[in-house]
Amino acid sequence: MSPQLIKRLSDVDGIIGVKESSGDLIQLQKIKQIKDPSFKIFMEGTRIIYLQLF
Protein backbone atom coordinates (compact mmCIF):
# COMPACT_ATOMS: atom_id res chain seq x y z
CA MET A 1 0.00 0.00 0.00
CA SER A 2 1.20 3.47 -0.75
CA PRO A 3 1.92 5.92 2.09
CA GLN A 4 -0.94 8.09 0.78
CA LEU A 5 -3.43 5.21 1.04
CA ILE A 6 -2.26 4.39 4.56
CA LYS A 7 -2.70 8.07 5.47
CA ARG A 8 -6.29 7.96 4.17
CA LEU A 9 -6.96 4.75 6.11
CA SER A 10 -5.54 6.30 9.29
CA ASP A 11 -8.23 8.99 9.05
CA VAL A 12 -11.11 6.47 8.92
CA ASP A 13 -12.94 5.84 12.20
CA GLY A 14 -12.83 2.17 13.15
CA ILE A 15 -9.58 1.33 11.36
CA ILE A 16 -6.83 1.15 13.98
CA GLY A 17 -3.95 0.00 11.79
CA VAL A 18 -2.65 -2.03 8.88
CA LYS A 19 -0.13 -4.80 8.29
CA GLU A 20 2.94 -3.55 6.38
CA SER A 21 5.07 -6.28 4.89
CA SER A 22 6.99 -4.62 2.07
CA GLY A 23 10.23 -4.32 4.06
CA ASP A 24 10.89 -1.03 2.26
CA LEU A 25 12.49 1.25 4.86
CA ILE A 26 12.05 4.37 2.76
CA GLN A 27 8.34 3.69 2.41
CA LEU A 28 8.05 2.98 6.14
CA GLN A 29 9.68 6.31 6.93
CA LYS A 30 7.23 8.11 4.61
CA ILE A 31 4.32 6.34 6.31
CA LYS A 32 5.61 7.38 9.72
CA GLN A 33 5.77 11.02 8.64
CA ILE A 34 2.18 11.25 7.35
CA LYS A 35 0.08 8.81 9.40
CA ASP A 36 -2.02 9.71 12.41
CA PRO A 37 0.11 9.11 15.56
CA SER A 38 -2.43 6.69 17.07
CA PHE A 39 -2.61 4.59 13.87
CA LYS A 40 -0.69 1.32 14.23
CA ILE A 41 1.54 -0.33 11.67
CA PHE A 42 1.83 -4.08 12.29
CA MET A 43 4.84 -5.88 10.88
CA GLU A 44 5.66 -9.57 10.95
CA GLY A 45 9.23 -10.78 11.20
CA THR A 46 10.51 -7.28 11.83
CA ARG A 47 14.11 -6.39 12.41
CA ILE A 48 15.31 -4.22 15.28
CA ILE A 49 15.70 -1.22 12.95
CA TYR A 50 11.92 -1.13 12.43
CA LEU A 51 11.44 -0.53 16.14
CA GLN A 52 13.28 2.78 15.81
CA LEU A 53 10.86 3.92 13.09
CA PHE A 54 7.72 3.44 15.17
PDB file of N, CA and C in Angstrom:
ATOM      1  N   MET A   1       0.836  -1.182   0.000  1.00  0.00           N
ATOM      2  CA  MET A   1       0.000   0.000   0.000  1.00  0.00           C
ATOM      3  C   MET A   1       0.877   1.241   0.000  1.00  0.00           C
ATOM      4  N   SER A   2       0.431   2.226  -0.684  1.00  0.00           N
ATOM      5  CA  SER A   2       1.199   3.470  -0.747  1.00  0.00           C
ATOM      6  C   SER A   2       1.056   4.241   0.561  1.00  0.00           C
ATOM      7  N   PRO A   3       2.038   5.080   0.893  1.00  0.00           N
ATOM      8  CA  PRO A   3       1.917   5.918   2.087  1.00  0.00           C
ATOM      9  C   PRO A   3       0.657   6.789   2.059  1.00  0.00           C
ATOM     10  N   GLN A   4       0.255   7.254   0.879  1.00  0.00           N
ATOM     11  CA  GLN A   4      -0.941   8.092   0.778  1.00  0.00           C
ATOM     12  C   GLN A   4      -2.201   7.301   1.133  1.00  0.00           C
ATOM     13  N   LEU A   5      -2.282   6.048   0.700  1.00  0.00           N
ATOM     14  CA  LEU A   5      -3.428   5.213   1.040  1.00  0.00           C
ATOM     15  C   LEU A   5      -3.455   4.937   2.540  1.00  0.00           C
ATOM     16  N   ILE A   6      -2.312   4.642   3.114  1.00  0.00           N
ATOM     17  CA  ILE A   6      -2.255   4.389   4.557  1.00  0.00           C
ATOM     18  C   ILE A   6      -2.662   5.643   5.323  1.00  0.00           C
ATOM     19  N   LYS A   7      -2.273   6.821   4.847  1.00  0.00           N
ATOM     20  CA  LYS A   7      -2.704   8.074   5.473  1.00  0.00           C
ATOM     21  C   LYS A   7      -4.224   8.182   5.430  1.00  0.00           C
ATOM     22  N   ARG A   8      -4.829   7.891   4.289  1.00  0.00           N
ATOM     23  CA  ARG A   8      -6.292   7.959   4.166  1.00  0.00           C
ATOM     24  C   ARG A   8      -6.960   6.963   5.108  1.00  0.00           C
ATOM     25  N   LEU A   9      -6.407   5.757   5.205  1.00  0.00           N
ATOM     26  CA  LEU A   9      -6.960   4.755   6.110  1.00  0.00           C
ATOM     27  C   LEU A   9      -6.827   5.183   7.569  1.00  0.00           C
ATOM     28  N   SER A  10      -5.746   5.871   7.894  1.00  0.00           N
ATOM     29  CA  SER A  10      -5.535   6.300   9.287  1.00  0.00           C
ATOM     30  C   SER A  10      -6.555   7.350   9.717  1.00  0.00           C
ATOM     31  N   ASP A  11      -7.210   7.987   8.750  1.00  0.00           N
ATOM     32  CA  ASP A  11      -8.231   8.994   9.053  1.00  0.00           C
ATOM     33  C   ASP A  11      -9.638   8.406   9.164  1.00  0.00           C
ATOM     34  N   VAL A  12      -9.796   7.106   8.883  1.00  0.00           N
ATOM     35  CA  VAL A  12     -11.107   6.467   8.920  1.00  0.00           C
ATOM     36  C   VAL A  12     -11.386   5.942  10.328  1.00  0.00           C
ATOM     37  N   ASP A  13     -12.524   6.366  10.895  1.00  0.00           N
ATOM     38  CA  ASP A  13     -12.938   5.840  12.202  1.00  0.00           C
ATOM     39  C   ASP A  13     -13.132   4.334  12.106  1.00  0.00           C
ATOM     40  N   GLY A  14     -12.656   3.617  13.102  1.00  0.00           N
ATOM     41  CA  GLY A  14     -12.827   2.174  13.147  1.00  0.00           C
ATOM     42  C   GLY A  14     -11.663   1.382  12.578  1.00  0.00           C
ATOM     43  N   ILE A  15     -10.776   2.019  11.845  1.00  0.00           N
ATOM     44  CA  ILE A  15      -9.575   1.334  11.360  1.00  0.00           C
ATOM     45  C   ILE A  15      -8.429   1.770  12.264  1.00  0.00           C
ATOM     46  N   ILE A  16      -7.866   0.809  12.998  1.00  0.00           N
ATOM     47  CA  ILE A  16      -6.835   1.151  13.981  1.00  0.00           C
ATOM     48  C   ILE A  16      -5.418   0.953  13.459  1.00  0.00           C
ATOM     49  N   GLY A  17      -5.279   0.243  12.328  1.00  0.00           N
ATOM     50  CA  GLY A  17      -3.949   0.002  11.792  1.00  0.00           C
ATOM     51  C   GLY A  17      -3.988  -0.890  10.572  1.00  0.00           C
ATOM     52  N   VAL A  18      -2.809  -1.147  10.040  1.00  0.00           N
ATOM     53  CA  VAL A  18      -2.651  -2.029   8.885  1.00  0.00           C
ATOM     54  C   VAL A  18      -1.399  -2.876   9.071  1.00  0.00           C
ATOM     55  N   LYS A  19      -1.335  -3.973   8.325  1.00  0.00           N
ATOM     56  CA  LYS A  19      -0.127  -4.796   8.291  1.00  0.00           C
ATOM     57  C   LYS A  19       0.733  -4.326   7.134  1.00  0.00           C
ATOM     58  N   GLU A  20       1.980  -4.022   7.396  1.00  0.00           N
ATOM     59  CA  GLU A  20       2.936  -3.547   6.381  1.00  0.00           C
ATOM     60  C   GLU A  20       3.996  -4.622   6.239  1.00  0.00           C
ATOM     61  N   SER A  21       4.113  -5.175   5.055  1.00  0.00           N
ATOM     62  CA  SER A  21       5.065  -6.275   4.885  1.00  0.00           C
ATOM     63  C   SER A  21       6.015  -6.071   3.713  1.00  0.00           C
ATOM     64  N   SER A  22       6.120  -4.845   3.224  1.00  0.00           N
ATOM     65  CA  SER A  22       6.992  -4.619   2.067  1.00  0.00           C
ATOM     66  C   SER A  22       8.472  -4.721   2.434  1.00  0.00           C
ATOM     67  N   GLY A  23       8.821  -4.341   3.663  1.00  0.00           N
ATOM     68  CA  GLY A  23      10.227  -4.317   4.060  1.00  0.00           C
ATOM     69  C   GLY A  23      10.987  -3.126   3.497  1.00  0.00           C
ATOM     70  N   ASP A  24      10.287  -2.217   2.868  1.00  0.00           N
ATOM     71  CA  ASP A  24      10.888  -1.026   2.259  1.00  0.00           C
ATOM     72  C   ASP A  24      11.034   0.062   3.319  1.00  0.00           C
ATOM     73  N   LEU A  25      12.258   0.289   3.782  1.00  0.00           N
ATOM     74  CA  LEU A  25      12.490   1.249   4.865  1.00  0.00           C
ATOM     75  C   LEU A  25      12.173   2.685   4.464  1.00  0.00           C
ATOM     76  N   ILE A  26      12.378   3.020   3.219  1.00  0.00           N
ATOM     77  CA  ILE A  26      12.052   4.374   2.758  1.00  0.00           C
ATOM     78  C   ILE A  26      10.535   4.577   2.809  1.00  0.00           C
ATOM     79  N   GLN A  27       9.797   3.584   2.343  1.00  0.00           N
ATOM     80  CA  GLN A  27       8.342   3.685   2.405  1.00  0.00           C
ATOM     81  C   GLN A  27       7.861   3.741   3.850  1.00  0.00           C
ATOM     82  N   LEU A  28       8.441   2.949   4.738  1.00  0.00           N
ATOM     83  CA  LEU A  28       8.052   2.978   6.144  1.00  0.00           C
ATOM     84  C   LEU A  28       8.301   4.347   6.771  1.00  0.00           C
ATOM     85  N   GLN A  29       9.388   4.976   6.410  1.00  0.00           N
ATOM     86  CA  GLN A  29       9.683   6.315   6.927  1.00  0.00           C
ATOM     87  C   GLN A  29       8.653   7.326   6.426  1.00  0.00           C
ATOM     88  N   LYS A  30       8.263   7.219   5.165  1.00  0.00           N
ATOM     89  CA  LYS A  30       7.234   8.112   4.613  1.00  0.00           C
ATOM     90  C   LYS A  30       5.907   7.908   5.332  1.00  0.00           C
ATOM     91  N   ILE A  31       5.560   6.653   5.587  1.00  0.00           N
ATOM     92  CA  ILE A  31       4.321   6.344   6.306  1.00  0.00           C
ATOM     93  C   ILE A  31       4.366   6.967   7.699  1.00  0.00           C
ATOM     94  N   LYS A  32       5.471   6.822   8.373  1.00  0.00           N
ATOM     95  CA  LYS A  32       5.609   7.380   9.721  1.00  0.00           C
ATOM     96  C   LYS A  32       5.383   8.885   9.714  1.00  0.00           C
ATOM     97  N   GLN A  33       5.870   9.567   8.707  1.00  0.00           N
ATOM     98  CA  GLN A  33       5.770  11.022   8.644  1.00  0.00           C
ATOM     99  C   GLN A  33       4.348  11.507   8.410  1.00  0.00           C
ATOM    100  N   ILE A  34       3.504  10.730   7.725  1.00  0.00           N
ATOM    101  CA  ILE A  34       2.185  11.252   7.354  1.00  0.00           C
ATOM    102  C   ILE A  34       1.013  10.605   8.088  1.00  0.00           C
ATOM    103  N   LYS A  35       1.207   9.486   8.765  1.00  0.00           N
ATOM    104  CA  LYS A  35       0.077   8.808   9.399  1.00  0.00           C
ATOM    105  C   LYS A  35      -0.310   9.482  10.709  1.00  0.00           C
ATOM    106  N   ASP A  36      -1.553   9.253  11.112  1.00  0.00           N
ATOM    107  CA  ASP A  36      -2.024   9.712  12.413  1.00  0.00           C
ATOM    108  C   ASP A  36      -1.187   9.006  13.492  1.00  0.00           C
ATOM    109  N   PRO A  37      -0.755   9.724  14.536  1.00  0.00           N
ATOM    110  CA  PRO A  37       0.111   9.110  15.556  1.00  0.00           C
ATOM    111  C   PRO A  37      -0.493   7.894  16.263  1.00  0.00           C
ATOM    112  N   SER A  38      -1.810   7.830  16.375  1.00  0.00           N
ATOM    113  CA  SER A  38      -2.427   6.694  17.066  1.00  0.00           C
ATOM    114  C   SER A  38      -2.639   5.491  16.145  1.00  0.00           C
ATOM    115  N   PHE A  39      -2.421   5.663  14.848  1.00  0.00           N
ATOM    116  CA  PHE A  39      -2.606   4.590  13.873  1.00  0.00           C
ATOM    117  C   PHE A  39      -1.436   3.627  13.956  1.00  0.00           C
ATOM    118  N   LYS A  40      -1.728   2.338  14.039  1.00  0.00           N
ATOM    119  CA  LYS A  40      -0.691   1.320  14.226  1.00  0.00           C
ATOM    120  C   LYS A  40      -0.277   0.691  12.901  1.00  0.00           C
ATOM    121  N   ILE A  41       1.003   0.427  12.797  1.00  0.00           N
ATOM    122  CA  ILE A  41       1.543  -0.330  11.672  1.00  0.00           C
ATOM    123  C   ILE A  41       2.044  -1.655  12.250  1.00  0.00           C
ATOM    124  N   PHE A  42       1.447  -2.751  11.813  1.00  0.00           N
ATOM    125  CA  PHE A  42       1.826  -4.080  12.288  1.00  0.00           C
ATOM    126  C   PHE A  42       2.755  -4.716  11.264  1.00  0.00           C
ATOM    127  N   MET A  43       3.859  -5.261  11.759  1.00  0.00           N
ATOM    128  CA  MET A  43       4.835  -5.884  10.877  1.00  0.00           C
ATOM    129  C   MET A  43       5.207  -7.248  11.431  1.00  0.00           C
ATOM    130  N   GLU A  44       5.298  -8.218  10.554  1.00  0.00           N
ATOM    131  CA  GLU A  44       5.663  -9.569  10.949  1.00  0.00           C
ATOM    132  C   GLU A  44       7.118  -9.812  10.587  1.00  0.00           C
ATOM    133  N   GLY A  45       7.837 -10.470  11.483  1.00  0.00           N
ATOM    134  CA  GLY A  45       9.230 -10.783  11.198  1.00  0.00           C
ATOM    135  C   GLY A  45      10.102  -9.542  11.098  1.00  0.00           C
ATOM    136  N   THR A  46       9.794  -8.552  11.918  1.00  0.00           N
ATOM    137  CA  THR A  46      10.513  -7.284  11.829  1.00  0.00           C
ATOM    138  C   THR A  46      11.926  -7.393  12.377  1.00  0.00           C
ATOM    139  N   ARG A  47      12.742  -6.513  11.904  1.00  0.00           N
ATOM    140  CA  ARG A  47      14.112  -6.394  12.412  1.00  0.00           C
ATOM    141  C   ARG A  47      14.153  -5.268  13.428  1.00  0.00           C
ATOM    142  N   ILE A  48      15.184  -5.212  14.215  1.00  0.00           N
ATOM    143  CA  ILE A  48      15.311  -4.215  15.277  1.00  0.00           C
ATOM    144  C   ILE A  48      15.252  -2.788  14.726  1.00  0.00           C
ATOM    145  N   ILE A  49      15.711  -2.572  13.516  1.00  0.00           N
ATOM    146  CA  ILE A  49      15.703  -1.220  12.946  1.00  0.00           C
ATOM    147  C   ILE A  49      14.275  -0.696  12.799  1.00  0.00           C
ATOM    148  N   TYR A  50      13.303  -1.570  12.533  1.00  0.00           N
ATOM    149  CA  TYR A  50      11.916  -1.135  12.426  1.00  0.00           C
ATOM    150  C   TYR A  50      11.426  -0.514  13.724  1.00  0.00           C
ATOM    151  N   LEU A  51      11.887  -1.037  14.842  1.00  0.00           N
ATOM    152  CA  LEU A  51      11.436  -0.528  16.135  1.00  0.00           C
ATOM    153  C   LEU A  51      11.799   0.947  16.298  1.00  0.00           C
ATOM    154  N   GLN A  52      12.877   1.386  15.710  1.00  0.00           N
ATOM    155  CA  GLN A  52      13.277   2.781  15.806  1.00  0.00           C
ATOM    156  C   GLN A  52      12.378   3.674  14.962  1.00  0.00           C
ATOM    157  N   LEU A  53      11.726   3.120  13.953  1.00  0.00           N
ATOM    158  CA  LEU A  53      10.860   3.916  13.090  1.00  0.00           C
ATOM    159  C   LEU A  53       9.517   4.197  13.755  1.00  0.00           C
ATOM    160  N   PHE A  54       9.047   3.302  14.598  1.00  0.00           N
ATOM    161  CA  PHE A  54       7.721   3.443  15.170  1.00  0.00           C
ATOM    162  C   PHE A  54       7.837   3.372  16.662  1.00  0.00           C
TER     163      PHE A  54
END
